[in-house]
């Protein structure tokens, strides 16, 4: 097992602690997420782009408006923050 040392300014640390956030637990979760995230090969990335362009050209790509996209992002962020508190 390895140890990672993290330096934070006192004001940032105090702010995180005041919110009741468990830094160690949150950081471990973040590291596991990085480790679990699959990497795409260049070929896989090219294939995904090709498929998206093809769907766009033939009209079968499901698109949403700019405003709807940001609304969905905001809702997702709110849910993730609520789940961590």
C-alpha atoms as a PDB file:
ATOM      1  CA  UNK A   1       0.000   0.000   0.000  1.00  0.00           C
ATOM      2  CA  UNK A   2       1.194   3.503  -0.817  1.00  0.00           C
ATOM      3  CA  UNK A   3       0.649   6.784   1.016  1.00  0.00           C
ATOM      4  CA  UNK A   4      -0.146  10.071  -0.729  1.00  0.00           C
ATOM      5  CA  UNK A   5       0.561  13.341   1.034  1.00  0.00           C
ATOM      6  CA  UNK A   6      -1.628  16.341   0.224  1.00  0.00           C
ATOM      7  CA  UNK A   7      -0.913  19.917   1.238  1.00  0.00           C
ATOM      8  CA  UNK A   8      -3.819  22.342   1.583  1.00  0.00           C
ATOM      9  CA  UNK A   9      -3.962  25.928   2.695  1.00  0.00           C
ATOM     10  CA  UNK A  10      -5.351  26.172   6.227  1.00  0.00           C
ATOM     11  CA  UNK A  11      -8.362  28.187   5.083  1.00  0.00           C
ATOM     12  CA  UNK A  12      -9.324  25.550   2.513  1.00  0.00           C
ATOM     13  CA  UNK A  13      -8.855  22.712   5.000  1.00  0.00           C
ATOM     14  CA  UNK A  14     -10.897  24.520   7.642  1.00  0.00           C
ATOM     15  CA  UNK A  15     -13.672  25.242   5.159  1.00  0.00           C
ATOM     16  CA  UNK A  16     -13.856  21.586   4.111  1.00  0.00           C
ATOM     17  CA  UNK A  17     -13.856  20.437   7.736  1.00  0.00           C
ATOM     18  CA  UNK A  18     -16.574  22.954   8.651  1.00  0.00           C
ATOM     19  CA  UNK A  19     -18.791  21.386   5.981  1.00  0.00           C
ATOM     20  CA  UNK A  20     -18.289  17.964   7.563  1.00  0.00           C
ATOM     21  CA  UNK A  21     -16.606  16.520   4.495  1.00  0.00           C
ATOM     22  CA  UNK A  22     -14.359  13.506   5.099  1.00  0.00           C
ATOM     23  CA  UNK A  23     -11.378  14.443   2.913  1.00  0.00           C
ATOM     24  CA  UNK A  24      -9.691  11.043   3.157  1.00  0.00           C
ATOM     25  CA  UNK A  25     -12.848   9.160   2.165  1.00  0.00           C
ATOM     26  CA  UNK A  26     -13.635  11.556  -0.669  1.00  0.00           C
ATOM     27  CA  UNK A  27     -10.072  11.409  -2.002  1.00  0.00           C
ATOM     28  CA  UNK A  28     -10.081   7.590  -1.879  1.00  0.00           C
ATOM     29  CA  UNK A  29     -13.369   7.553  -3.795  1.00  0.00           C
ATOM     30  CA  UNK A  30     -11.850   9.892  -6.391  1.00  0.00           C
ATOM     31  CA  UNK A  31      -8.779   7.661  -6.819  1.00  0.00           C
ATOM     32  CA  UNK A  32     -10.966   4.554  -7.217  1.00  0.00           C
ATOM     33  CA  UNK A  33     -13.019   6.395  -9.832  1.00  0.00           C
ATOM     34  CA  UNK A  34      -9.856   7.207 -11.778  1.00  0.00           C
ATOM     35  CA  UNK A  35      -8.758   3.601 -11.585  1.00  0.00           C
ATOM     36  CA  UNK A  36     -12.168   2.295 -12.678  1.00  0.00           C
ATOM     37  CA  UNK A  37     -12.484   4.678 -15.623  1.00  0.00           C
ATOM     38  CA  UNK A  38     -11.834   2.765 -18.825  1.00  0.00           C
ATOM     39  CA  UNK A  39      -9.413   4.247 -21.310  1.00  0.00           C
ATOM     40  CA  UNK A  40     -10.296   4.449 -24.960  1.00  0.00           C
ATOM     41  CA  UNK A  41      -7.852   3.352 -27.586  1.00  0.00           C
ATOM     42  CA  UNK A  42      -7.327   5.691 -30.502  1.00  0.00           C
ATOM     43  CA  UNK A  43      -9.184   3.234 -32.720  1.00  0.00           C
ATOM     44  CA  UNK A  44     -12.173   3.135 -30.337  1.00  0.00           C
ATOM     45  CA  UNK A  45     -12.264   6.932 -30.201  1.00  0.00           C
ATOM     46  CA  UNK A  46     -12.170   7.172 -34.001  1.00  0.00           C
ATOM     47  CA  UNK A  47     -14.985   4.623 -34.255  1.00  0.00           C
ATOM     48  CA  UNK A  48     -17.165   6.586 -31.813  1.00  0.00           C
ATOM     49  CA  UNK A  49     -16.590   9.825 -33.712  1.00  0.00           C
ATOM     50  CA  UNK A  50     -17.334   8.089 -37.009  1.00  0.00           C
ATOM     51  CA  UNK A  51     -20.589   6.682 -35.627  1.00  0.00           C
ATOM     52  CA  UNK A  52     -21.645  10.065 -34.235  1.00  0.00           C
ATOM     53  CA  UNK A  53     -20.928  11.834 -37.526  1.00  0.00           C
ATOM     54  CA  UNK A  54     -22.823   9.146 -39.444  1.00  0.00           C
ATOM     55  CA  UNK A  55     -25.843   9.490 -37.135  1.00  0.00           C
ATOM     56  CA  UNK A  56     -25.707  13.284 -37.484  1.00  0.00           C
ATOM     57  CA  UNK A  57     -25.564  13.074 -41.270  1.00  0.00           C
ATOM     58  CA  UNK A  58     -28.460  10.621 -41.570  1.00  0.00           C
ATOM     59  CA  UNK A  59     -30.584  12.509 -39.021  1.00  0.00           C
ATOM     60  CA  UNK A  60     -30.750   9.757 -36.396  1.00  0.00           C
ATOM     61  CA  UNK A  61     -28.569  11.527 -33.817  1.00  0.00           C
ATOM     62  CA  UNK A  62     -30.620  12.496 -30.758  1.00  0.00           C
ATOM     63  CA  UNK A  63     -29.674  16.102 -29.946  1.00  0.00           C
ATOM     64  CA  UNK A  64     -30.764  18.497 -27.208  1.00  0.00           C
ATOM     65  CA  UNK A  65     -30.711  22.270 -26.938  1.00  0.00           C
ATOM     66  CA  UNK A  66     -27.877  24.161 -25.284  1.00  0.00           C
ATOM     67  CA  UNK A  67     -30.178  25.254 -22.435  1.00  0.00           C
ATOM     68  CA  UNK A  68     -31.421  21.710 -21.850  1.00  0.00           C
ATOM     69  CA  UNK A  69     -27.857  20.433 -21.747  1.00  0.00           C
ATOM     70  CA  UNK A  70     -26.876  22.935 -19.041  1.00  0.00           C
ATOM     71  CA  UNK A  71     -30.044  22.195 -17.075  1.00  0.00           C
ATOM     72  CA  UNK A  72     -29.139  18.493 -17.088  1.00  0.00           C
ATOM     73  CA  UNK A  73     -25.559  19.247 -16.038  1.00  0.00           C
ATOM     74  CA  UNK A  74     -26.786  21.473 -13.189  1.00  0.00           C
ATOM     75  CA  UNK A  75     -29.208  18.781 -12.001  1.00  0.00           C
ATOM     76  CA  UNK A  76     -26.475  16.128 -12.134  1.00  0.00           C
ATOM     77  CA  UNK A  77     -24.093  18.335 -10.135  1.00  0.00           C
ATOM     78  CA  UNK A  78     -26.777  19.099  -7.534  1.00  0.00           C
ATOM     79  CA  UNK A  79     -27.481  15.374  -7.116  1.00  0.00           C
ATOM     80  CA  UNK A  80     -23.803  14.531  -6.725  1.00  0.00           C
ATOM     81  CA  UNK A  81     -23.312  17.275  -4.125  1.00  0.00           C
ATOM     82  CA  UNK A  82     -26.430  16.183  -2.240  1.00  0.00           C
ATOM     83  CA  UNK A  83     -25.191  12.581  -2.189  1.00  0.00           C
ATOM     84  CA  UNK A  84     -21.865  13.615  -0.657  1.00  0.00           C
ATOM     85  CA  UNK A  85     -23.303  15.677   2.182  1.00  0.00           C
END
